[in-house]
């Protein structure tokens, strides 16, 4: 945006005297202009992103202190940098959307997730799950496709994609997605297990991903507590002599 325009204008004007005053060939003037553009744009972009990163780090501290509302407010301060750098708003919307989703404020989260930067795959997955919960399978699939296109090597996305397809009753497509995920990730064991579960009409086991899985709120709180309690009780058992 503005960083791009500033770099473009400055690098273009800087090449003018090289041609008009010193009589440089247009090819050399163009090369100088391109190098200047890349250097100026890099420096301006880095300066902008440093400011955005500082806000994100502050928001993370707010989250760690269980101050979710303050974290969202902090991130929104970064909107002023959106006019300076490409994709800033999308990245901030992704962060805000995931925070609200994790806090179970699903209605508030949706508009932010819909505007999230496509390479933020966690936000894209949360958007897909949100559409599934609203009975919008076409939009769910579209969101998942964006997520896997931008992050083909991430097994969790393929697993979640398959889980949601299986959940809405599209077992054939779930199998197809899981098979494709296995190929793209080099034979991930969890994807292989999920595919076997779907093929045998069994429920896919996602709790192996731990808290990362639970943040999508696809498992009832009671079931989570029950599993955690069982795990704790299991650890308390005395070993055999």
C-alpha atoms as a PDB file:
ATOM      1  CA  UNK A   1       0.000   0.000   0.000  1.00  0.00           C
ATOM      2  CA  UNK A   2       1.643   3.293   1.119  1.00  0.00           C
ATOM      3  CA  UNK A   3       5.003   1.589   1.624  1.00  0.00           C
ATOM      4  CA  UNK A   4       4.772   0.251  -1.918  1.00  0.00           C
ATOM      5  CA  UNK A   5       3.788   3.621  -3.371  1.00  0.00           C
ATOM      6  CA  UNK A   6       6.526   5.504  -1.524  1.00  0.00           C
ATOM      7  CA  UNK A   7       9.161   3.022  -2.674  1.00  0.00           C
ATOM      8  CA  UNK A   8       7.857   3.111  -6.250  1.00  0.00           C
ATOM      9  CA  UNK A   9       7.727   6.915  -6.509  1.00  0.00           C
ATOM     10  CA  UNK A  10      11.121   7.476  -4.874  1.00  0.00           C
ATOM     11  CA  UNK A  11      12.905   4.799  -6.933  1.00  0.00           C
ATOM     12  CA  UNK A  12      11.346   6.112 -10.159  1.00  0.00           C
ATOM     13  CA  UNK A  13      12.245   9.741  -9.480  1.00  0.00           C
ATOM     14  CA  UNK A  14      15.760   8.793  -8.415  1.00  0.00           C
ATOM     15  CA  UNK A  15      16.438   7.330 -11.860  1.00  0.00           C
ATOM     16  CA  UNK A  16      15.400  10.508 -13.708  1.00  0.00           C
ATOM     17  CA  UNK A  17      18.603  12.534 -13.116  1.00  0.00           C
ATOM     18  CA  UNK A  18      20.704   9.524 -14.094  1.00  0.00           C
ATOM     19  CA  UNK A  19      19.086   9.688 -17.508  1.00  0.00           C
ATOM     20  CA  UNK A  20      18.585  13.440 -17.951  1.00  0.00           C
ATOM     21  CA  UNK A  21      21.782  14.745 -16.345  1.00  0.00           C
ATOM     22  CA  UNK A  22      24.323  11.954 -16.732  1.00  0.00           C
ATOM     23  CA  UNK A  23      22.898  10.403 -19.888  1.00  0.00           C
ATOM     24  CA  UNK A  24      22.784   6.831 -18.570  1.00  0.00           C
ATOM     25  CA  UNK A  25      21.239   4.187 -20.794  1.00  0.00           C
ATOM     26  CA  UNK A  26      17.601   3.355 -19.964  1.00  0.00           C
ATOM     27  CA  UNK A  27      18.526  -0.234 -19.099  1.00  0.00           C
ATOM     28  CA  UNK A  28      20.949   0.872 -16.366  1.00  0.00           C
ATOM     29  CA  UNK A  29      18.503   3.483 -15.106  1.00  0.00           C
ATOM     30  CA  UNK A  30      15.833   0.803 -14.840  1.00  0.00           C
ATOM     31  CA  UNK A  31      18.154  -1.548 -12.972  1.00  0.00           C
ATOM     32  CA  UNK A  32      19.068   1.170 -10.463  1.00  0.00           C
ATOM     33  CA  UNK A  33      15.379   1.993 -10.045  1.00  0.00           C
ATOM     34  CA  UNK A  34      14.496  -1.653  -9.369  1.00  0.00           C
ATOM     35  CA  UNK A  35      17.281  -2.092  -6.801  1.00  0.00           C
ATOM     36  CA  UNK A  36      16.273   1.119  -5.032  1.00  0.00           C
ATOM     37  CA  UNK A  37      12.636   0.057  -5.005  1.00  0.00           C
ATOM     38  CA  UNK A  38      13.429  -3.314  -3.461  1.00  0.00           C
ATOM     39  CA  UNK A  39      15.687  -1.773  -0.810  1.00  0.00           C
ATOM     40  CA  UNK A  40      13.294   1.022   0.157  1.00  0.00           C
ATOM     41  CA  UNK A  41      10.246  -1.274   0.195  1.00  0.00           C
ATOM     42  CA  UNK A  42      12.087  -3.822   2.329  1.00  0.00           C
ATOM     43  CA  UNK A  43      13.122  -1.216   4.906  1.00  0.00           C
ATOM     44  CA  UNK A  44       9.693   0.406   5.078  1.00  0.00           C
ATOM     45  CA  UNK A  45       7.925  -2.969   5.314  1.00  0.00           C
ATOM     46  CA  UNK A  46      10.246  -4.194   8.046  1.00  0.00           C
ATOM     47  CA  UNK A  47       9.649  -1.040  10.064  1.00  0.00           C
ATOM     48  CA  UNK A  48       5.863  -1.424   9.771  1.00  0.00           C
ATOM     49  CA  UNK A  49       5.898  -5.123  10.657  1.00  0.00           C
ATOM     50  CA  UNK A  50       8.068  -4.454  13.719  1.00  0.00           C
ATOM     51  CA  UNK A  51       5.311  -2.221  15.051  1.00  0.00           C
ATOM     52  CA  UNK A  52       2.648  -4.809  14.272  1.00  0.00           C
ATOM     53  CA  UNK A  53       4.709  -7.579  15.883  1.00  0.00           C
ATOM     54  CA  UNK A  54       5.094  -5.495  19.041  1.00  0.00           C
ATOM     55  CA  UNK A  55       1.303  -5.209  19.287  1.00  0.00           C
ATOM     56  CA  UNK A  56       0.864  -8.950  18.752  1.00  0.00           C
ATOM     57  CA  UNK A  57       3.377  -9.709  21.501  1.00  0.00           C
ATOM     58  CA  UNK A  58       1.539  -7.364  23.869  1.00  0.00           C
ATOM     59  CA  UNK A  59      -1.750  -9.081  22.997  1.00  0.00           C
ATOM     60  CA  UNK A  60      -0.191 -12.471  23.721  1.00  0.00           C
ATOM     61  CA  UNK A  61       0.791 -11.277  27.189  1.00  0.00           C
ATOM     62  CA  UNK A  62      -2.783 -10.102  27.730  1.00  0.00           C
ATOM     63  CA  UNK A  63      -4.046 -13.550  26.738  1.00  0.00           C
ATOM     64  CA  UNK A  64      -1.637 -15.241  29.103  1.00  0.00           C
ATOM     65  CA  UNK A  65      -3.045 -13.030  31.841  1.00  0.00           C
ATOM     66  CA  UNK A  66      -6.602 -14.074  30.891  1.00  0.00           C
ATOM     67  CA  UNK A  67      -7.395 -10.611  29.537  1.00  0.00           C
ATOM     68  CA  UNK A  68      -9.012 -11.606  26.250  1.00  0.00           C
ATOM     69  CA  UNK A  69     -10.952  -8.386  25.682  1.00  0.00           C
ATOM     70  CA  UNK A  70      -7.836  -6.312  26.225  1.00  0.00           C
ATOM     71  CA  UNK A  71      -5.898  -8.517  23.794  1.00  0.00           C
ATOM     72  CA  UNK A  72      -8.514  -7.908  21.095  1.00  0.00           C
ATOM     73  CA  UNK A  73      -8.449  -4.160  21.756  1.00  0.00           C
ATOM     74  CA  UNK A  74      -4.658  -4.179  21.500  1.00  0.00           C
ATOM     75  CA  UNK A  75      -4.720  -5.965  18.151  1.00  0.00           C
ATOM     76  CA  UNK A  76      -7.281  -3.531  16.764  1.00  0.00           C
ATOM     77  CA  UNK A  77      -4.791  -0.724  17.336  1.00  0.00           C
ATOM     78  CA  UNK A  78      -2.790  -2.299  14.539  1.00  0.00           C
ATOM     79  CA  UNK A  79      -5.463  -1.480  11.964  1.00  0.00           C
ATOM     80  CA  UNK A  80      -3.801   1.892  11.482  1.00  0.00           C
ATOM     81  CA  UNK A  81      -0.885   0.099   9.837  1.00  0.00           C
ATOM     82  CA  UNK A  82      -3.123  -1.643   7.284  1.00  0.00           C
ATOM     83  CA  UNK A  83      -2.878   1.314   4.891  1.00  0.00           C
ATOM     84  CA  UNK A  84       0.896   1.058   4.999  1.00  0.00           C
ATOM     85  CA  UNK A  85       1.472  -2.634   4.378  1.00  0.00           C
ATOM     86  CA  UNK A  86      -0.297  -5.389   2.437  1.00  0.00           C
ATOM     87  CA  UNK A  87      -2.031  -8.174   4.393  1.00  0.00           C
ATOM     88  CA  UNK A  88      -1.683  -6.504   7.798  1.00  0.00           C
ATOM     89  CA  UNK A  89      -5.426  -6.256   8.366  1.00  0.00           C
ATOM     90  CA  UNK A  90      -5.970  -9.862   7.312  1.00  0.00           C
ATOM     91  CA  UNK A  91      -3.338 -11.052   9.757  1.00  0.00           C
ATOM     92  CA  UNK A  92      -4.813  -9.004  12.597  1.00  0.00           C
ATOM     93  CA  UNK A  93      -8.341 -10.191  11.774  1.00  0.00           C
ATOM     94  CA  UNK A  94      -7.054 -13.773  11.879  1.00  0.00           C
ATOM     95  CA  UNK A  95      -5.581 -13.226  15.338  1.00  0.00           C
ATOM     96  CA  UNK A  96      -8.734 -11.545  16.646  1.00  0.00           C
ATOM     97  CA  UNK A  97     -11.000 -14.182  15.120  1.00  0.00           C
ATOM     98  CA  UNK A  98      -9.078 -17.059  16.709  1.00  0.00           C
ATOM     99  CA  UNK A  99      -9.126 -15.383  20.126  1.00  0.00           C
ATOM    100  CA  UNK A 100     -12.890 -14.853  19.989  1.00  0.00           C
ATOM    101  CA  UNK A 101     -13.470 -18.377  18.692  1.00  0.00           C
ATOM    102  CA  UNK A 102     -11.404 -19.950  21.468  1.00  0.00           C
ATOM    103  CA  UNK A 103     -13.415 -17.878  23.970  1.00  0.00           C
ATOM    104  CA  UNK A 104     -16.587 -19.396  22.448  1.00  0.00           C
ATOM    105  CA  UNK A 105     -17.736 -16.041  21.121  1.00  0.00           C
ATOM    106  CA  UNK A 106     -18.529 -17.687  17.800  1.00  0.00           C
ATOM    107  CA  UNK A 107     -20.913 -15.058  16.407  1.00  0.00           C
ATOM    108  CA  UNK A 108     -18.376 -12.300  17.055  1.00  0.00           C
ATOM    109  CA  UNK A 109     -15.519 -14.382  15.686  1.00  0.00           C
ATOM    110  CA  UNK A 110     -17.106 -15.188  12.314  1.00  0.00           C
ATOM    111  CA  UNK A 111     -16.759 -11.754  10.624  1.00  0.00           C
ATOM    112  CA  UNK A 112     -13.072 -11.602  11.574  1.00  0.00           C
ATOM    113  CA  UNK A 113     -12.394 -15.162  10.439  1.00  0.00           C
ATOM    114  CA  UNK A 114     -14.061 -14.422   7.096  1.00  0.00           C
ATOM    115  CA  UNK A 115     -11.584 -11.584   6.535  1.00  0.00           C
ATOM    116  CA  UNK A 116      -8.569 -13.493   7.846  1.00  0.00           C
ATOM    117  CA  UNK A 117      -5.328 -13.866   5.915  1.00  0.00           C
ATOM    118  CA  UNK A 118      -5.624 -17.150   4.001  1.00  0.00           C
ATOM    119  CA  UNK A 119      -2.182 -18.400   5.067  1.00  0.00           C
ATOM    120  CA  UNK A 120      -3.229 -18.263   8.731  1.00  0.00           C
ATOM    121  CA  UNK A 121      -4.450 -21.848   8.568  1.00  0.00           C
ATOM    122  CA  UNK A 122      -5.748 -22.011  12.152  1.00  0.00           C
ATOM    123  CA  UNK A 123      -8.126 -19.140  11.381  1.00  0.00           C
ATOM    124  CA  UNK A 124      -9.127 -20.786   8.083  1.00  0.00           C
ATOM    125  CA  UNK A 125      -9.894 -24.046   9.900  1.00  0.00           C
ATOM    126  CA  UNK A 126     -11.938 -22.243  12.537  1.00  0.00           C
ATOM    127  CA  UNK A 127     -13.831 -20.522   9.738  1.00  0.00           C
ATOM    128  CA  UNK A 128     -14.535 -23.886   8.115  1.00  0.00           C
ATOM    129  CA  UNK A 129     -15.785 -25.358  11.404  1.00  0.00           C
ATOM    130  CA  UNK A 130     -17.963 -22.279  11.936  1.00  0.00           C
ATOM    131  CA  UNK A 131     -19.597 -22.858   8.552  1.00  0.00           C
ATOM    132  CA  UNK A 132     -20.101 -26.531   9.367  1.00  0.00           C
ATOM    133  CA  UNK A 133     -21.899 -25.621  12.586  1.00  0.00           C
ATOM    134  CA  UNK A 134     -24.114 -23.278  10.557  1.00  0.00           C
ATOM    135  CA  UNK A 135     -24.992 -26.050   8.081  1.00  0.00           C
ATOM    136  CA  UNK A 136     -23.108 -24.438   5.199  1.00  0.00           C
ATOM    137  CA  UNK A 137     -21.114 -27.386   3.780  1.00  0.00           C
ATOM    138  CA  UNK A 138     -20.143 -25.646   0.536  1.00  0.00           C
ATOM    139  CA  UNK A 139     -18.579 -22.743   2.403  1.00  0.00           C
ATOM    140  CA  UNK A 140     -16.955 -25.171   4.835  1.00  0.00           C
ATOM    141  CA  UNK A 141     -15.295 -27.050   1.978  1.00  0.00           C
ATOM    142  CA  UNK A 142     -14.188 -23.808   0.326  1.00  0.00           C
ATOM    143  CA  UNK A 143     -12.509 -22.631   3.550  1.00  0.00           C
ATOM    144  CA  UNK A 144     -10.762 -25.968   4.049  1.00  0.00           C
ATOM    145  CA  UNK A 145      -9.558 -25.969   0.442  1.00  0.00           C
ATOM    146  CA  UNK A 146      -7.964 -22.569   1.000  1.00  0.00           C
ATOM    147  CA  UNK A 147      -6.296 -23.871   4.150  1.00  0.00           C
ATOM    148  CA  UNK A 148      -4.830 -27.011   2.547  1.00  0.00           C
ATOM    149  CA  UNK A 149      -3.772 -25.131  -0.597  1.00  0.00           C
ATOM    150  CA  UNK A 150      -1.694 -22.704   1.457  1.00  0.00           C
ATOM    151  CA  UNK A 151      -0.438 -25.338   3.923  1.00  0.00           C
ATOM    152  CA  UNK A 152      -0.329 -28.719   2.178  1.00  0.00           C
ATOM    153  CA  UNK A 153       2.215 -30.292   4.535  1.00  0.00           C
ATOM    154  CA  UNK A 154       0.244 -29.714   7.763  1.00  0.00           C
ATOM    155  CA  UNK A 155      -1.390 -33.048   8.785  1.00  0.00           C
ATOM    156  CA  UNK A 156      -3.835 -31.506  11.264  1.00  0.00           C
ATOM    157  CA  UNK A 157      -5.651 -29.560   8.543  1.00  0.00           C
ATOM    158  CA  UNK A 158      -6.268 -32.694   6.474  1.00  0.00           C
ATOM    159  CA  UNK A 159      -7.356 -34.576   9.596  1.00  0.00           C
ATOM    160  CA  UNK A 160      -9.779 -31.862  10.657  1.00  0.00           C
ATOM    161  CA  UNK A 161     -11.069 -31.559   7.087  1.00  0.00           C
ATOM    162  CA  UNK A 162     -11.769 -35.285   6.989  1.00  0.00           C
ATOM    163  CA  UNK A 163     -13.330 -35.215  10.457  1.00  0.00           C
ATOM    164  CA  UNK A 164     -15.781 -32.480   9.484  1.00  0.00           C
ATOM    165  CA  UNK A 165     -16.712 -34.195   6.222  1.00  0.00           C
ATOM    166  CA  UNK A 166     -17.338 -37.422   8.119  1.00  0.00           C
ATOM    167  CA  UNK A 167     -19.370 -35.507  10.693  1.00  0.00           C
ATOM    168  CA  UNK A 168     -21.741 -34.101   8.038  1.00  0.00           C
ATOM    169  CA  UNK A 169     -22.140 -37.571   6.545  1.00  0.00           C
ATOM    170  CA  UNK A 170     -19.955 -37.240   3.436  1.00  0.00           C
ATOM    171  CA  UNK A 171     -17.805 -40.327   4.073  1.00  0.00           C
ATOM    172  CA  UNK A 172     -16.641 -40.741   0.465  1.00  0.00           C
ATOM    173  CA  UNK A 173     -15.242 -37.238   0.307  1.00  0.00           C
ATOM    174  CA  UNK A 174     -13.764 -37.680   3.803  1.00  0.00           C
ATOM    175  CA  UNK A 175     -11.886 -40.761   2.574  1.00  0.00           C
ATOM    176  CA  UNK A 176     -10.720 -38.900  -0.534  1.00  0.00           C
ATOM    177  CA  UNK A 177      -9.441 -35.938   1.517  1.00  0.00           C
ATOM    178  CA  UNK A 178      -7.629 -38.183   3.995  1.00  0.00           C
ATOM    179  CA  UNK A 179      -6.026 -40.180   1.176  1.00  0.00           C
ATOM    180  CA  UNK A 180      -4.850 -36.972  -0.454  1.00  0.00           C
ATOM    181  CA  UNK A 181      -3.551 -35.726   2.915  1.00  0.00           C
ATOM    182  CA  UNK A 182      -1.555 -38.934   3.416  1.00  0.00           C
ATOM    183  CA  UNK A 183       0.152 -38.385   0.043  1.00  0.00           C
ATOM    184  CA  UNK A 184       0.841 -34.697   0.658  1.00  0.00           C
ATOM    185  CA  UNK A 185       2.296 -35.254   4.139  1.00  0.00           C
ATOM    186  CA  UNK A 186       4.366 -38.303   3.306  1.00  0.00           C
ATOM    187  CA  UNK A 187       2.216 -40.904   5.066  1.00  0.00           C
ATOM    188  CA  UNK A 188       1.347 -39.249   8.380  1.00  0.00           C
ATOM    189  CA  UNK A 189       0.381 -41.979  10.878  1.00  0.00           C
ATOM    190  CA  UNK A 190      -2.559 -40.092  12.361  1.00  0.00           C
ATOM    191  CA  UNK A 191      -4.062 -39.570   8.923  1.00  0.00           C
ATOM    192  CA  UNK A 192      -3.636 -43.270   8.160  1.00  0.00           C
ATOM    193  CA  UNK A 193      -5.441 -44.113  11.416  1.00  0.00           C
ATOM    194  CA  UNK A 194      -8.219 -41.640  10.628  1.00  0.00           C
ATOM    195  CA  UNK A 195      -8.713 -43.093   7.150  1.00  0.00           C
ATOM    196  CA  UNK A 196      -8.962 -46.606   8.623  1.00  0.00           C
ATOM    197  CA  UNK A 197     -11.547 -45.370  11.136  1.00  0.00           C
ATOM    198  CA  UNK A 198     -13.724 -43.805   8.431  1.00  0.00           C
ATOM    199  CA  UNK A 199     -13.472 -46.881   6.209  1.00  0.00           C
ATOM    200  CA  UNK A 200     -14.590 -49.059   9.143  1.00  0.00           C
ATOM    201  CA  UNK A 201     -17.429 -46.712  10.128  1.00  0.00           C
ATOM    202  CA  UNK A 202     -15.695 -45.788  13.370  1.00  0.00           C
ATOM    203  CA  UNK A 203     -15.244 -42.389  14.963  1.00  0.00           C
ATOM    204  CA  UNK A 204     -12.007 -40.600  14.180  1.00  0.00           C
ATOM    205  CA  UNK A 205      -9.849 -40.078  17.263  1.00  0.00           C
ATOM    206  CA  UNK A 206      -8.574 -36.500  17.369  1.00  0.00           C
ATOM    207  CA  UNK A 207      -7.798 -36.118  21.071  1.00  0.00           C
ATOM    208  CA  UNK A 208      -4.209 -37.144  20.395  1.00  0.00           C
ATOM    209  CA  UNK A 209      -3.653 -33.551  19.292  1.00  0.00           C
ATOM    210  CA  UNK A 210      -4.432 -32.433  22.845  1.00  0.00           C
ATOM    211  CA  UNK A 211      -5.251 -28.794  23.559  1.00  0.00           C
ATOM    212  CA  UNK A 212      -4.744 -27.910  19.924  1.00  0.00           C
ATOM    213  CA  UNK A 213      -7.730 -30.102  19.041  1.00  0.00           C
ATOM    214  CA  UNK A 214      -9.858 -28.973  21.965  1.00  0.00           C
ATOM    215  CA  UNK A 215      -9.604 -25.297  20.971  1.00  0.00           C
ATOM    216  CA  UNK A 216     -11.871 -26.022  17.999  1.00  0.00           C
ATOM    217  CA  UNK A 217     -14.704 -26.934  20.406  1.00  0.00           C
ATOM    218  CA  UNK A 218     -15.804 -29.980  18.461  1.00  0.00           C
ATOM    219  CA  UNK A 219     -15.858 -32.152  21.530  1.00  0.00           C
ATOM    220  CA  UNK A 220     -18.215 -31.577  24.438  1.00  0.00           C
ATOM    221  CA  UNK A 221     -16.677 -30.140  27.583  1.00  0.00           C
ATOM    222  CA  UNK A 222     -18.010 -33.055  29.653  1.00  0.00           C
ATOM    223  CA  UNK A 223     -16.259 -35.572  27.426  1.00  0.00           C
ATOM    224  CA  UNK A 224     -13.002 -33.653  27.685  1.00  0.00           C
ATOM    225  CA  UNK A 225     -13.168 -33.514  31.470  1.00  0.00           C
ATOM    226  CA  UNK A 226     -13.982 -37.223  31.599  1.00  0.00           C
ATOM    227  CA  UNK A 227     -10.957 -38.108  29.465  1.00  0.00           C
ATOM    228  CA  UNK A 228      -8.641 -35.848  31.439  1.00  0.00           C
ATOM    229  CA  UNK A 229      -9.893 -37.324  34.723  1.00  0.00           C
ATOM    230  CA  UNK A 230      -9.386 -40.839  33.397  1.00  0.00           C
ATOM    231  CA  UNK A 231      -5.852 -39.951  32.317  1.00  0.00           C
ATOM    232  CA  UNK A 232      -5.037 -38.523  35.750  1.00  0.00           C
ATOM    233  CA  UNK A 233      -6.441 -41.597  37.487  1.00  0.00           C
ATOM    234  CA  UNK A 234      -4.404 -43.792  35.179  1.00  0.00           C
ATOM    235  CA  UNK A 235      -1.206 -41.972  36.118  1.00  0.00           C
ATOM    236  CA  UNK A 236      -2.010 -42.421  39.801  1.00  0.00           C
ATOM    237  CA  UNK A 237      -2.084 -46.213  39.585  1.00  0.00           C
ATOM    238  CA  UNK A 238       0.681 -47.919  41.502  1.00  0.00           C
ATOM    239  CA  UNK A 239       3.114 -49.846  39.324  1.00  0.00           C
ATOM    240  CA  UNK A 240       3.197 -53.600  39.730  1.00  0.00           C
ATOM    241  CA  UNK A 241       6.029 -54.996  41.840  1.00  0.00           C
END
